[in-house]
Amino acid sequence: QVQLVESGGGLVQAGGSLRLSCVASGSSASVNAMAWFRQGPGKQRELVARLTGAGDTHYADYVAGRFTISRGSSERAVNLDMISLKPEDTAAFYCNANLQFSGGSIVAWGQGTQVTVSS
C-alpha cells in the first residue's frame, strides 16, 4: 500500500520561508508525477505545484517565483521550498503522487501538513 508522508509545516511570519518534504513509500511503482496541493480555511483544495517524472514543473500563478518544487533524495520524494510567504498562504498542504503500475495508475494523497503564516 502506498503511503505519502509529509513534513516541514509550521508557523512562520510573513516574509519568511519554509520547506515541505514528502516521501512515498510502500511501492515500487514508477512516478508519473508528484505534486503539492493546498486547502485554505473555507476554500477548495487547489494545485500549488507539480513535478513530472520527466522533470517538468508546473506552478499555480499565485506562487510563481516564490515556491519551487524539486525532487528529493529519491524518485519518490519531493520538496516544496516556499519563500516570501504571505498570510494568504495559510493552508493545509497535501502531497499527491500519480504512480504507474503494470496494470494502470493510481493517485495517492498524504495526510497533510499545516502551514500558518502570521502577519
PDB file of N, CA and C in Angstrom:
ATOM      1  N   GLN A   1       0.846  -1.188   0.000  1.00  0.00           N
ATOM      2  CA  GLN A   1       0.000   0.000   0.000  1.00  0.00           C
ATOM      3  C   GLN A   1       0.880   1.235   0.000  1.00  0.00           C
ATOM      4  N   VAL A   2       0.547   2.191  -0.851  1.00  0.00           N
ATOM      5  CA  VAL A   2       1.341   3.404  -0.970  1.00  0.00           C
ATOM      6  C   VAL A   2       1.017   4.355   0.174  1.00  0.00           C
ATOM      7  N   GLN A   3       2.057   4.901   0.775  1.00  0.00           N
ATOM      8  CA  GLN A   3       1.885   5.915   1.815  1.00  0.00           C
ATOM      9  C   GLN A   3       2.717   7.136   1.456  1.00  0.00           C
ATOM     10  N   LEU A   4       2.111   8.309   1.622  1.00  0.00           N
ATOM     11  CA  LEU A   4       2.827   9.568   1.439  1.00  0.00           C
ATOM     12  C   LEU A   4       2.941  10.230   2.804  1.00  0.00           C
ATOM     13  N   VAL A   5       4.163  10.570   3.179  1.00  0.00           N
ATOM     14  CA  VAL A   5       4.391  11.194   4.478  1.00  0.00           C
ATOM     15  C   VAL A   5       4.991  12.575   4.247  1.00  0.00           C
ATOM     16  N   GLU A   6       4.271  13.595   4.725  1.00  0.00           N
ATOM     17  CA  GLU A   6       4.730  14.973   4.584  1.00  0.00           C
ATOM     18  C   GLU A   6       5.383  15.443   5.876  1.00  0.00           C
ATOM     19  N   SER A   7       6.265  16.415   5.730  1.00  0.00           N
ATOM     20  CA  SER A   7       6.888  17.040   6.895  1.00  0.00           C
ATOM     21  C   SER A   7       7.287  18.457   6.531  1.00  0.00           C
ATOM     22  N   GLY A   8       7.521  19.275   7.556  1.00  0.00           N
ATOM     23  CA  GLY A   8       8.063  20.609   7.328  1.00  0.00           C
ATOM     24  C   GLY A   8       7.108  21.756   7.529  1.00  0.00           C
ATOM     25  N   GLY A   9       5.849  21.480   7.799  1.00  0.00           N
ATOM     26  CA  GLY A   9       4.931  22.582   8.028  1.00  0.00           C
ATOM     27  C   GLY A   9       5.218  23.272   9.353  1.00  0.00           C
ATOM     28  N   GLY A  10       4.531  24.373   9.589  1.00  0.00           N
ATOM     29  CA  GLY A  10       4.711  25.079  10.845  1.00  0.00           C
ATOM     30  C   GLY A  10       4.218  26.501  10.780  1.00  0.00           C
ATOM     31  N   LEU A  11       4.585  27.262  11.788  1.00  0.00           N
ATOM     32  CA  LEU A  11       4.191  28.670  11.904  1.00  0.00           C
ATOM     33  C   LEU A  11       5.370  29.546  11.507  1.00  0.00           C
ATOM     34  N   VAL A  12       5.109  30.510  10.641  1.00  0.00           N
ATOM     35  CA  VAL A  12       6.163  31.406  10.181  1.00  0.00           C
ATOM     36  C   VAL A  12       5.583  32.799  10.012  1.00  0.00           C
ATOM     37  N   GLN A  13       6.411  33.798  10.182  1.00  0.00           N
ATOM     38  CA  GLN A  13       5.959  35.169   9.979  1.00  0.00           C
ATOM     39  C   GLN A  13       5.917  35.501   8.492  1.00  0.00           C
ATOM     40  N   ALA A  14       5.090  36.467   8.148  1.00  0.00           N
ATOM     41  CA  ALA A  14       5.020  36.920   6.757  1.00  0.00           C
ATOM     42  C   ALA A  14       6.412  37.329   6.275  1.00  0.00           C
ATOM     43  N   GLY A  15       6.727  36.908   5.056  1.00  0.00           N
ATOM     44  CA  GLY A  15       8.046  37.163   4.506  1.00  0.00           C
ATOM     45  C   GLY A  15       9.034  36.053   4.766  1.00  0.00           C
ATOM     46  N   GLY A  16       8.661  35.111   5.617  1.00  0.00           N
ATOM     47  CA  GLY A  16       9.544  34.012   5.955  1.00  0.00           C
ATOM     48  C   GLY A  16       9.511  32.902   4.928  1.00  0.00           C
ATOM     49  N   SER A  17      10.201  31.813   5.248  1.00  0.00           N
ATOM     50  CA  SER A  17      10.300  30.697   4.324  1.00  0.00           C
ATOM     51  C   SER A  17      10.129  29.369   5.055  1.00  0.00           C
ATOM     52  N   LEU A  18       9.733  28.369   4.309  1.00  0.00           N
ATOM     53  CA  LEU A  18       9.577  27.008   4.820  1.00  0.00           C
ATOM     54  C   LEU A  18       9.911  26.030   3.702  1.00  0.00           C
ATOM     55  N   ARG A  19      10.338  24.840   4.082  1.00  0.00           N
ATOM     56  CA  ARG A  19      10.489  23.734   3.136  1.00  0.00           C
ATOM     57  C   ARG A  19       9.576  22.600   3.574  1.00  0.00           C
ATOM     58  N   LEU A  20       8.755  22.144   2.648  1.00  0.00           N
ATOM     59  CA  LEU A  20       7.933  20.961   2.864  1.00  0.00           C
ATOM     60  C   LEU A  20       8.577  19.787   2.130  1.00  0.00           C
ATOM     61  N   SER A  21       8.499  18.626   2.747  1.00  0.00           N
ATOM     62  CA  SER A  21       9.046  17.420   2.127  1.00  0.00           C
ATOM     63  C   SER A  21       7.998  16.324   2.131  1.00  0.00           C
ATOM     64  N   CYS A  22       8.082  15.459   1.143  1.00  0.00           N
ATOM     65  CA  CYS A  22       7.133  14.348   1.020  1.00  0.00           C
ATOM     66  C   CYS A  22       7.882  13.136   0.484  1.00  0.00           C
ATOM     67  N   VAL A  23       7.627  12.008   1.107  1.00  0.00           N
ATOM     68  CA  VAL A  23       8.231  10.758   0.656  1.00  0.00           C
ATOM     69  C   VAL A  23       7.138   9.724   0.460  1.00  0.00           C
ATOM     70  N   ALA A  24       7.170   9.058  -0.674  1.00  0.00           N
ATOM     71  CA  ALA A  24       6.231   7.973  -0.961  1.00  0.00           C
ATOM     72  C   ALA A  24       6.910   6.644  -0.652  1.00  0.00           C
ATOM     73  N   SER A  25       6.229   5.821   0.123  1.00  0.00           N
ATOM     74  CA  SER A  25       6.796   4.519   0.465  1.00  0.00           C
ATOM     75  C   SER A  25       5.768   3.428   0.230  1.00  0.00           C
ATOM     76  N   GLY A  26       6.239   2.196   0.267  1.00  0.00           N
ATOM     77  CA  GLY A  26       5.337   1.065   0.143  1.00  0.00           C
ATOM     78  C   GLY A  26       5.010   0.694  -1.287  1.00  0.00           C
ATOM     79  N   SER A  27       5.802   1.206  -2.233  1.00  0.00           N
ATOM     80  CA  SER A  27       5.510   0.895  -3.628  1.00  0.00           C
ATOM     81  C   SER A  27       6.783   0.925  -4.454  1.00  0.00           C
ATOM     82  N   SER A  28       6.823   0.042  -5.449  1.00  0.00           N
ATOM     83  CA  SER A  28       7.943   0.071  -6.391  1.00  0.00           C
ATOM     84  C   SER A  28       7.504   0.642  -7.735  1.00  0.00           C
ATOM     85  N   ALA A  29       6.300   1.218  -7.746  1.00  0.00           N
ATOM     86  CA  ALA A  29       5.780   1.778  -8.993  1.00  0.00           C
ATOM     87  C   ALA A  29       6.607   2.981  -9.428  1.00  0.00           C
ATOM     88  N   SER A  30       6.612   3.222 -10.720  1.00  0.00           N
ATOM     89  CA  SER A  30       7.290   4.409 -11.229  1.00  0.00           C
ATOM     90  C   SER A  30       6.404   5.631 -10.998  1.00  0.00           C
ATOM     91  N   VAL A  31       7.020   6.787 -10.963  1.00  0.00           N
ATOM     92  CA  VAL A  31       6.296   8.017 -10.650  1.00  0.00           C
ATOM     93  C   VAL A  31       5.955   8.752 -11.941  1.00  0.00           C
ATOM     94  N   ASN A  32       4.666   8.938 -12.161  1.00  0.00           N
ATOM     95  CA  ASN A  32       4.251   9.774 -13.288  1.00  0.00           C
ATOM     96  C   ASN A  32       4.428  11.251 -12.937  1.00  0.00           C
ATOM     97  N   ALA A  33       4.038  11.589 -11.710  1.00  0.00           N
ATOM     98  CA  ALA A  33       4.164  12.966 -11.241  1.00  0.00           C
ATOM     99  C   ALA A  33       3.940  13.003  -9.744  1.00  0.00           C
ATOM    100  N   MET A  34       4.565  13.984  -9.104  1.00  0.00           N
ATOM    101  CA  MET A  34       4.273  14.293  -7.708  1.00  0.00           C
ATOM    102  C   MET A  34       3.932  15.773  -7.633  1.00  0.00           C
ATOM    103  N   ALA A  35       3.053  16.099  -6.714  1.00  0.00           N
ATOM    104  CA  ALA A  35       2.562  17.472  -6.667  1.00  0.00           C
ATOM    105  C   ALA A  35       2.236  17.877  -5.232  1.00  0.00           C
ATOM    106  N   TRP A  36       2.094  19.152  -5.046  1.00  0.00           N
ATOM    107  CA  TRP A  36       1.602  19.735  -3.789  1.00  0.00           C
ATOM    108  C   TRP A  36       0.299  20.471  -4.084  1.00  0.00           C
ATOM    109  N   PHE A  37      -0.681  20.212  -3.238  1.00  0.00           N
ATOM    110  CA  PHE A  37      -1.941  20.936  -3.255  1.00  0.00           C
ATOM    111  C   PHE A  37      -2.068  21.638  -1.906  1.00  0.00           C
ATOM    112  N   ARG A  38      -2.968  22.584  -1.829  1.00  0.00           N
ATOM    113  CA  ARG A  38      -3.238  23.219  -0.546  1.00  0.00           C
ATOM    114  C   ARG A  38      -4.735  23.501  -0.427  1.00  0.00           C
ATOM    115  N   GLN A  39      -5.171  23.578   0.819  1.00  0.00           N
ATOM    116  CA  GLN A  39      -6.576  23.890   1.102  1.00  0.00           C
ATOM    117  C   GLN A  39      -6.613  24.866   2.252  1.00  0.00           C
ATOM    118  N   GLY A  40      -6.976  26.107   1.939  1.00  0.00           N
ATOM    119  CA  GLY A  40      -7.093  27.127   2.963  1.00  0.00           C
ATOM    120  C   GLY A  40      -8.432  27.036   3.674  1.00  0.00           C
ATOM    121  N   PRO A  41      -8.585  27.744   4.783  1.00  0.00           N
ATOM    122  CA  PRO A  41      -9.845  27.713   5.534  1.00  0.00           C
ATOM    123  C   PRO A  41     -11.027  28.126   4.666  1.00  0.00           C
ATOM    124  N   GLY A  42     -12.027  27.272   4.572  1.00  0.00           N
ATOM    125  CA  GLY A  42     -13.220  27.577   3.811  1.00  0.00           C
ATOM    126  C   GLY A  42     -13.023  27.568   2.307  1.00  0.00           C
ATOM    127  N   LYS A  43     -11.895  27.036   1.850  1.00  0.00           N
ATOM    128  CA  LYS A  43     -11.614  27.037   0.421  1.00  0.00           C
ATOM    129  C   LYS A  43     -11.497  25.614  -0.114  1.00  0.00           C
ATOM    130  N   GLN A  44     -11.576  25.498  -1.442  1.00  0.00           N
ATOM    131  CA  GLN A  44     -11.387  24.203  -2.070  1.00  0.00           C
ATOM    132  C   GLN A  44      -9.890  23.892  -2.189  1.00  0.00           C
ATOM    133  N   ARG A  45      -9.581  22.614  -2.277  1.00  0.00           N
ATOM    134  CA  ARG A  45      -8.202  22.200  -2.467  1.00  0.00           C
ATOM    135  C   ARG A  45      -7.755  22.632  -3.866  1.00  0.00           C
ATOM    136  N   GLU A  46      -6.532  23.179  -3.948  1.00  0.00           N
ATOM    137  CA  GLU A  46      -6.043  23.672  -5.224  1.00  0.00           C
ATOM    138  C   GLU A  46      -4.596  23.258  -5.442  1.00  0.00           C
ATOM    139  N   LEU A  47      -4.249  23.129  -6.713  1.00  0.00           N
ATOM    140  CA  LEU A  47      -2.891  22.753  -7.066  1.00  0.00           C
ATOM    141  C   LEU A  47      -1.928  23.900  -6.775  1.00  0.00           C
ATOM    142  N   VAL A  48      -0.799  23.564  -6.173  1.00  0.00           N
ATOM    143  CA  VAL A  48       0.256  24.541  -5.930  1.00  0.00           C
ATOM    144  C   VAL A  48       1.372  24.363  -6.958  1.00  0.00           C
ATOM    145  N   ALA A  49       1.875  23.150  -7.068  1.00  0.00           N
ATOM    146  CA  ALA A  49       2.982  22.886  -7.989  1.00  0.00           C
ATOM    147  C   ALA A  49       3.035  21.399  -8.292  1.00  0.00           C
ATOM    148  N   ARG A  50       3.521  21.069  -9.500  1.00  0.00           N
ATOM    149  CA  ARG A  50       3.633  19.674  -9.919  1.00  0.00           C
ATOM    150  C   ARG A  50       4.988  19.429 -10.550  1.00  0.00           C
ATOM    151  N   LEU A  51       5.546  18.262 -10.283  1.00  0.00           N
ATOM    152  CA  LEU A  51       6.808  17.829 -10.878  1.00  0.00           C
ATOM    153  C   LEU A  51       6.573  16.469 -11.527  1.00  0.00           C
ATOM    154  N   THR A  52       6.797  16.394 -12.834  1.00  0.00           N
ATOM    155  CA  THR A  52       6.572  15.122 -13.524  1.00  0.00           C
ATOM    156  C   THR A  52       7.802  14.221 -13.389  1.00  0.00           C
ATOM    157  N   GLY A  53       7.616  12.969 -13.744  1.00  0.00           N
ATOM    158  CA  GLY A  53       8.721  12.029 -13.719  1.00  0.00           C
ATOM    159  C   GLY A  53       9.839  12.438 -14.665  1.00  0.00           C
ATOM    160  N   ALA A  54       9.489  13.184 -15.703  1.00  0.00           N
ATOM    161  CA  ALA A  54      10.486  13.651 -16.677  1.00  0.00           C
ATOM    162  C   ALA A  54      11.194  14.912 -16.211  1.00  0.00           C
ATOM    163  N   GLY A  55      10.741  15.457 -15.094  1.00  0.00           N
ATOM    164  CA  GLY A  55      11.398  16.646 -14.556  1.00  0.00           C
ATOM    165  C   GLY A  55      10.740  17.965 -14.923  1.00  0.00           C
ATOM    166  N   ASP A  56       9.602  17.909 -15.589  1.00  0.00           N
ATOM    167  CA  ASP A  56       8.898  19.140 -15.927  1.00  0.00           C
ATOM    168  C   ASP A  56       8.146  19.654 -14.706  1.00  0.00           C
ATOM    169  N   THR A  57       8.090  20.976 -14.584  1.00  0.00           N
ATOM    170  CA  THR A  57       7.402  21.585 -13.455  1.00  0.00           C
ATOM    171  C   THR A  57       6.270  22.481 -13.933  1.00  0.00           C
ATOM    172  N   HIS A  58       5.283  22.606 -13.073  1.00  0.00           N
ATOM    173  CA  HIS A  58       4.156  23.496 -13.335  1.00  0.00           C
ATOM    174  C   HIS A  58       3.771  24.138 -12.025  1.00  0.00           C
ATOM    175  N   TYR A  59       3.498  25.427 -12.049  1.00  0.00           N
ATOM    176  CA  TYR A  59       3.134  26.170 -10.847  1.00  0.00           C
ATOM    177  C   TYR A  59       1.822  26.917 -11.040  1.00  0.00           C
ATOM    178  N   ALA A  60       1.079  27.023  -9.957  1.00  0.00           N
ATOM    179  CA  ALA A  60      -0.081  27.901  -9.958  1.00  0.00           C
ATOM    180  C   ALA A  60       0.420  29.336 -10.078  1.00  0.00           C
ATOM    181  N   ASP A  61      -0.364  30.168 -10.726  1.00  0.00           N
ATOM    182  CA  ASP A  61       0.061  31.552 -10.978  1.00  0.00           C
ATOM    183  C   ASP A  61       0.400  32.285  -9.682  1.00  0.00           C
ATOM    184  N   TYR A  62      -0.349  31.993  -8.628  1.00  0.00           N
ATOM    185  CA  TYR A  62      -0.197  32.788  -7.407  1.00  0.00           C
ATOM    186  C   TYR A  62       1.087  32.455  -6.639  1.00  0.00           C
ATOM    187  N   VAL A  63       1.825  31.407  -7.046  1.00  0.00           N
ATOM    188  CA  VAL A  63       3.065  31.091  -6.341  1.00  0.00           C
ATOM    189  C   VAL A  63       4.304  31.250  -7.206  1.00  0.00           C
ATOM    190  N   ALA A  64       4.108  31.562  -8.462  1.00  0.00           N
ATOM    191  CA  ALA A  64       5.239  31.668  -9.383  1.00  0.00           C
ATOM    192  C   ALA A  64       6.280  32.639  -8.835  1.00  0.00           C
ATOM    193  N   GLY A  65       7.512  32.170  -8.801  1.00  0.00           N
ATOM    194  CA  GLY A  65       8.603  32.994  -8.327  1.00  0.00           C
ATOM    195  C   GLY A  65       8.823  32.918  -6.828  1.00  0.00           C
ATOM    196  N   ARG A  66       7.881  32.373  -6.092  1.00  0.00           N
ATOM    197  CA  ARG A  66       8.016  32.275  -4.628  1.00  0.00           C
ATOM    198  C   ARG A  66       8.216  30.831  -4.180  1.00  0.00           C
ATOM    199  N   PHE A  67       7.601  29.890  -4.883  1.00  0.00           N
ATOM    200  CA  PHE A  67       7.679  28.482  -4.499  1.00  0.00           C
ATOM    201  C   PHE A  67       8.472  27.722  -5.559  1.00  0.00           C
ATOM    202  N   THR A  68       9.229  26.728  -5.105  1.00  0.00           N
ATOM    203  CA  THR A  68       9.991  25.875  -6.014  1.00  0.00           C
ATOM    204  C   THR A  68       9.791  24.420  -5.628  1.00  0.00           C
ATOM    205  N   ILE A  69       9.352  23.618  -6.595  1.00  0.00           N
ATOM    206  CA  ILE A  69       9.201  22.186  -6.361  1.00  0.00           C
ATOM    207  C   ILE A  69      10.422  21.480  -6.929  1.00  0.00           C
ATOM    208  N   SER A  70      10.923  20.495  -6.209  1.00  0.00           N
ATOM    209  CA  SER A  70      12.113  19.789  -6.667  1.00  0.00           C
ATOM    210  C   SER A  70      12.072  18.342  -6.188  1.00  0.00           C
ATOM    211  N   ARG A  71      12.859  17.512  -6.851  1.00  0.00           N
ATOM    212  CA  ARG A  71      12.920  16.117  -6.449  1.00  0.00           C
ATOM    213  C   ARG A  71      13.746  16.006  -5.177  1.00  0.00           C
ATOM    214  N   GLY A  72      13.332  15.108  -4.313  1.00  0.00           N
ATOM    215  CA  GLY A  72      14.063  14.878  -3.091  1.00  0.00           C
ATOM    216  C   GLY A  72      15.178  13.887  -3.294  1.00  0.00           C
ATOM    217  N   SER A  73      15.453  13.115  -2.264  1.00  0.00           N
ATOM    218  CA  SER A  73      16.577  12.194  -2.291  1.00  0.00           C
ATOM    219  C   SER A  73      16.345  10.973  -3.163  1.00  0.00           C
ATOM    220  N   SER A  74      15.114  10.786  -3.613  1.00  0.00           N
ATOM    221  CA  SER A  74      14.813   9.663  -4.490  1.00  0.00           C
ATOM    222  C   SER A  74      13.728  10.084  -5.467  1.00  0.00           C
ATOM    223  N   GLU A  75      13.424   9.196  -6.408  1.00  0.00           N
ATOM    224  CA  GLU A  75      12.365   9.480  -7.372  1.00  0.00           C
ATOM    225  C   GLU A  75      11.030   9.664  -6.671  1.00  0.00           C
ATOM    226  N   ARG A  76      10.877   9.042  -5.504  1.00  0.00           N
ATOM    227  CA  ARG A  76       9.596   9.077  -4.800  1.00  0.00           C
ATOM    228  C   ARG A  76       9.595  10.090  -3.660  1.00  0.00           C
ATOM    229  N   ALA A  77      10.415  11.108  -3.781  1.00  0.00           N
ATOM    230  CA  ALA A  77      10.461  12.175  -2.778  1.00  0.00           C
ATOM    231  C   ALA A  77      10.406  13.522  -3.481  1.00  0.00           C
ATOM    232  N   VAL A  78       9.714  14.461  -2.877  1.00  0.00           N
ATOM    233  CA  VAL A  78       9.585  15.781  -3.480  1.00  0.00           C
ATOM    234  C   VAL A  78       9.607  16.835  -2.382  1.00  0.00           C
ATOM    235  N   ASN A  79      10.219  17.964  -2.686  1.00  0.00           N
ATOM    236  CA  ASN A  79      10.273  19.089  -1.765  1.00  0.00           C
ATOM    237  C   ASN A  79       9.533  20.278  -2.349  1.00  0.00           C
ATOM    238  N   LEU A  80       9.057  21.124  -1.471  1.00  0.00           N
ATOM    239  CA  LEU A  80       8.479  22.402  -1.878  1.00  0.00           C
ATOM    240  C   LEU A  80       9.132  23.482  -1.034  1.00  0.00           C
ATOM    241  N   ASP A  81       9.950  24.292  -1.664  1.00  0.00           N
ATOM    242  CA  ASP A  81      10.597  25.414  -0.989  1.00  0.00           C
ATOM    243  C   ASP A  81       9.752  26.652  -1.198  1.00  0.00           C
ATOM    244  N   MET A  82       9.378  27.273  -0.094  1.00  0.00           N
ATOM    245  CA  MET A  82       8.494  28.439  -0.141  1.00  0.00           C
ATOM    246  C   MET A  82       9.208  29.628   0.487  1.00  0.00           C
ATOM    247  N   ILE A  83       9.250  30.734  -0.242  1.00  0.00           N
ATOM    248  CA  ILE A  83       9.830  31.964   0.284  1.00  0.00           C
ATOM    249  C   ILE A  83       8.801  33.074   0.181  1.00  0.00           C
ATOM    250  N   SER A  84       9.099  34.194   0.827  1.00  0.00           N
ATOM    251  CA  SER A  84       8.198  35.358   0.778  1.00  0.00           C
ATOM    252  C   SER A  84       6.767  34.954   1.085  1.00  0.00           C
ATOM    253  N   LEU A  85       6.601  34.170   2.127  1.00  0.00           N
ATOM    254  CA  LEU A  85       5.273  33.683   2.480  1.00  0.00           C
ATOM    255  C   LEU A  85       4.364  34.820   2.917  1.00  0.00           C
ATOM    256  N   LYS A  86       3.087  34.666   2.570  1.00  0.00           N
ATOM    257  CA  LYS A  86       2.071  35.664   2.877  1.00  0.00           C
ATOM    258  C   LYS A  86       1.007  35.035   3.766  1.00  0.00           C
ATOM    259  N   PRO A  87       0.290  35.849   4.533  1.00  0.00           N
ATOM    260  CA  PRO A  87      -0.795  35.283   5.365  1.00  0.00           C
ATOM    261  C   PRO A  87      -1.799  34.479   4.544  1.00  0.00           C
ATOM    262  N   GLU A  88      -2.025  34.884   3.314  1.00  0.00           N
ATOM    263  CA  GLU A  88      -2.978  34.146   2.480  1.00  0.00           C
ATOM    264  C   GLU A  88      -2.451  32.795   2.022  1.00  0.00           C
ATOM    265  N   ASP A  89      -1.188  32.500   2.295  1.00  0.00           N
ATOM    266  CA  ASP A  89      -0.654  31.162   2.018  1.00  0.00           C
ATOM    267  C   ASP A  89      -1.011  30.171   3.126  1.00  0.00           C
ATOM    268  N   THR A  90      -1.608  30.660   4.209  1.00  0.00           N
ATOM    269  CA  THR A  90      -2.003  29.773   5.301  1.00  0.00           C
ATOM    270  C   THR A  90      -2.956  28.707   4.786  1.00  0.00           C
ATOM    271  N   ALA A  91      -2.595  27.454   4.986  1.00  0.00           N
ATOM    272  CA  ALA A  91      -3.394  26.353   4.454  1.00  0.00           C
ATOM    273  C   ALA A  91      -2.822  25.032   4.952  1.00  0.00           C
ATOM    274  N   ALA A  92      -3.611  23.986   4.780  1.00  0.00           N
ATOM    275  CA  ALA A  92      -3.088  22.634   4.904  1.00  0.00           C
ATOM    276  C   ALA A  92      -2.527  22.241   3.542  1.00  0.00           C
ATOM    277  N   PHE A  93      -1.290  21.792   3.521  1.00  0.00           N
ATOM    278  CA  PHE A  93      -0.629  21.413   2.278  1.00  0.00           C
ATOM    279  C   PHE A  93      -0.603  19.889   2.170  1.00  0.00           C
ATOM    280  N   TYR A  94      -0.993  19.391   1.014  1.00  0.00           N
ATOM    281  CA  TYR A  94      -1.103  17.963   0.787  1.00  0.00           C
ATOM    282  C   TYR A  94      -0.182  17.520  -0.346  1.00  0.00           C
ATOM    283  N   CYS A  95       0.539  16.447  -0.101  1.00  0.00           N
ATOM    284  CA  CYS A  95       1.359  15.831  -1.134  1.00  0.00           C
ATOM    285  C   CYS A  95       0.491  14.876  -1.948  1.00  0.00           C
ATOM    286  N   ASN A  96       0.757  14.829  -3.226  1.00  0.00           N
ATOM    287  CA  ASN A  96      -0.028  13.999  -4.144  1.00  0.00           C
ATOM    288  C   ASN A  96       0.943  13.270  -5.063  1.00  0.00           C
ATOM    289  N   ALA A  97       0.671  11.995  -5.321  1.00  0.00           N
ATOM    290  CA  ALA A  97       1.528  11.233  -6.226  1.00  0.00           C
ATOM    291  C   ALA A  97       0.685  10.449  -7.205  1.00  0.00           C
ATOM    292  N   ASN A  98       1.069  10.508  -8.457  1.00  0.00           N
ATOM    293  CA  ASN A  98       0.442   9.697  -9.507  1.00  0.00           C
ATOM    294  C   ASN A  98       1.458   8.624  -9.872  1.00  0.00           C
ATOM    295  N   LEU A  99       1.127   7.389  -9.530  1.00  0.00           N
ATOM    296  CA  LEU A  99       2.082   6.292  -9.669  1.00  0.00           C
ATOM    297  C   LEU A  99       1.612   5.303 -10.733  1.00  0.00           C
ATOM    298  N   GLN A 100       2.586   4.784 -11.479  1.00  0.00           N
ATOM    299  CA  GLN A 100       2.267   3.887 -12.584  1.00  0.00           C
ATOM    300  C   GLN A 100       2.626   2.457 -12.238  1.00  0.00           C
ATOM    301  N   PHE A 101       1.633   1.604 -12.229  1.00  0.00           N
ATOM    302  CA  PHE A 101       1.825   0.171 -12.057  1.00  0.00           C
ATOM    303  C   PHE A 101       1.647  -0.507 -13.408  1.00  0.00           C
ATOM    304  N   SER A 102       1.960  -1.801 -13.451  1.00  0.00           N
ATOM    305  CA  SER A 102       1.819  -2.534 -14.703  1.00  0.00           C
ATOM    306  C   SER A 102       0.365  -2.579 -15.145  1.00  0.00           C
ATOM    307  N   GLY A 103      -0.554  -2.556 -14.181  1.00  0.00           N
ATOM    308  CA  GLY A 103      -1.956  -2.653 -14.529  1.00  0.00           C
ATOM    309  C   GLY A 103      -2.678  -1.326 -14.660  1.00  0.00           C
ATOM    310  N   GLY A 104      -1.970  -0.232 -14.452  1.00  0.00           N
ATOM    311  CA  GLY A 104      -2.599   1.077 -14.525  1.00  0.00           C
ATOM    312  C   GLY A 104      -1.947   2.044 -13.562  1.00  0.00           C
ATOM    313  N   SER A 105      -2.600   3.159 -13.338  1.00  0.00           N
ATOM    314  CA  SER A 105      -2.036   4.171 -12.444  1.00  0.00           C
ATOM    315  C   SER A 105      -2.976   4.422 -11.278  1.00  0.00           C
ATOM    316  N   ILE A 106      -2.397   4.917 -10.177  1.00  0.00           N
ATOM    317  CA  ILE A 106      -3.196   5.310  -9.027  1.00  0.00           C
ATOM    318  C   ILE A 106      -2.750   6.683  -8.559  1.00  0.00           C
ATOM    319  N   VAL A 107      -3.636   7.322  -7.814  1.00  0.00           N
ATOM    320  CA  VAL A 107      -3.318   8.613  -7.205  1.00  0.00           C
ATOM    321  C   VAL A 107      -3.373   8.440  -5.701  1.00  0.00           C
ATOM    322  N   ALA A 108      -2.322   8.870  -5.039  1.00  0.00           N
ATOM    323  CA  ALA A 108      -2.259   8.765  -3.579  1.00  0.00           C
ATOM    324  C   ALA A 108      -2.098  10.157  -2.974  1.00  0.00           C
ATOM    325  N   TRP A 109      -2.616  10.303  -1.758  1.00  0.00           N
ATOM    326  CA  TRP A 109      -2.560  11.577  -1.040  1.00  0.00           C
ATOM    327  C   TRP A 109      -1.918  11.373   0.326  1.00  0.00           C
ATOM    328  N   GLY A 110      -1.189  12.396   0.761  1.00  0.00           N
ATOM    329  CA  GLY A 110      -0.709  12.406   2.124  1.00  0.00           C
ATOM    330  C   GLY A 110      -1.770  12.941   3.062  1.00  0.00           C
ATOM    331  N   GLN A 111      -1.471  12.935   4.344  1.00  0.00           N
ATOM    332  CA  GLN A 111      -2.436  13.361   5.361  1.00  0.00           C
ATOM    333  C   GLN A 111      -2.479  14.878   5.498  1.00  0.00           C
ATOM    334  N   GLY A 112      -1.461  15.546   4.978  1.00  0.00           N
ATOM    335  CA  GLY A 112      -1.442  16.998   5.042  1.00  0.00           C
ATOM    336  C   GLY A 112      -0.538  17.517   6.137  1.00  0.00           C
ATOM    337  N   THR A 113       0.026  18.681   5.885  1.00  0.00           N
ATOM    338  CA  THR A 113       0.837  19.372   6.891  1.00  0.00           C
ATOM    339  C   THR A 113       0.421  20.842   6.894  1.00  0.00           C
ATOM    340  N   GLN A 114       0.240  21.389   8.085  1.00  0.00           N
ATOM    341  CA  GLN A 114      -0.302  22.740   8.216  1.00  0.00           C
ATOM    342  C   GLN A 114       0.795  23.784   8.079  1.00  0.00           C
ATOM    343  N   VAL A 115       0.521  24.785   7.274  1.00  0.00           N
ATOM    344  CA  VAL A 115       1.385  25.955   7.162  1.00  0.00           C
ATOM    345  C   VAL A 115       0.569  27.172   7.601  1.00  0.00           C
ATOM    346  N   THR A 116       1.065  27.882   8.591  1.00  0.00           N
ATOM    347  CA  THR A 116       0.388  29.073   9.089  1.00  0.00           C
ATOM    348  C   THR A 116       1.342  30.254   8.987  1.00  0.00           C
ATOM    349  N   VAL A 117       0.901  31.281   8.296  1.00  0.00           N
ATOM    350  CA  VAL A 117       1.728  32.473   8.113  1.00  0.00           C
ATOM    351  C   VAL A 117       1.078  33.628   8.860  1.00  0.00           C
ATOM    352  N   SER A 118       1.779  34.158   9.834  1.00  0.00           N
ATOM    353  CA  SER A 118       1.239  35.261  10.638  1.00  0.00           C
ATOM    354  C   SER A 118       1.657  36.599  10.045  1.00  0.00           C
ATOM    355  N   SER A 119       0.782  37.572  10.244  1.00  0.00           N
ATOM    356  CA  SER A 119       1.064  38.910   9.679  1.00  0.00           C
ATOM    357  C   SER A 119       1.836  39.783  10.649  1.00  0.00           C
TER     358      SER A 119
END
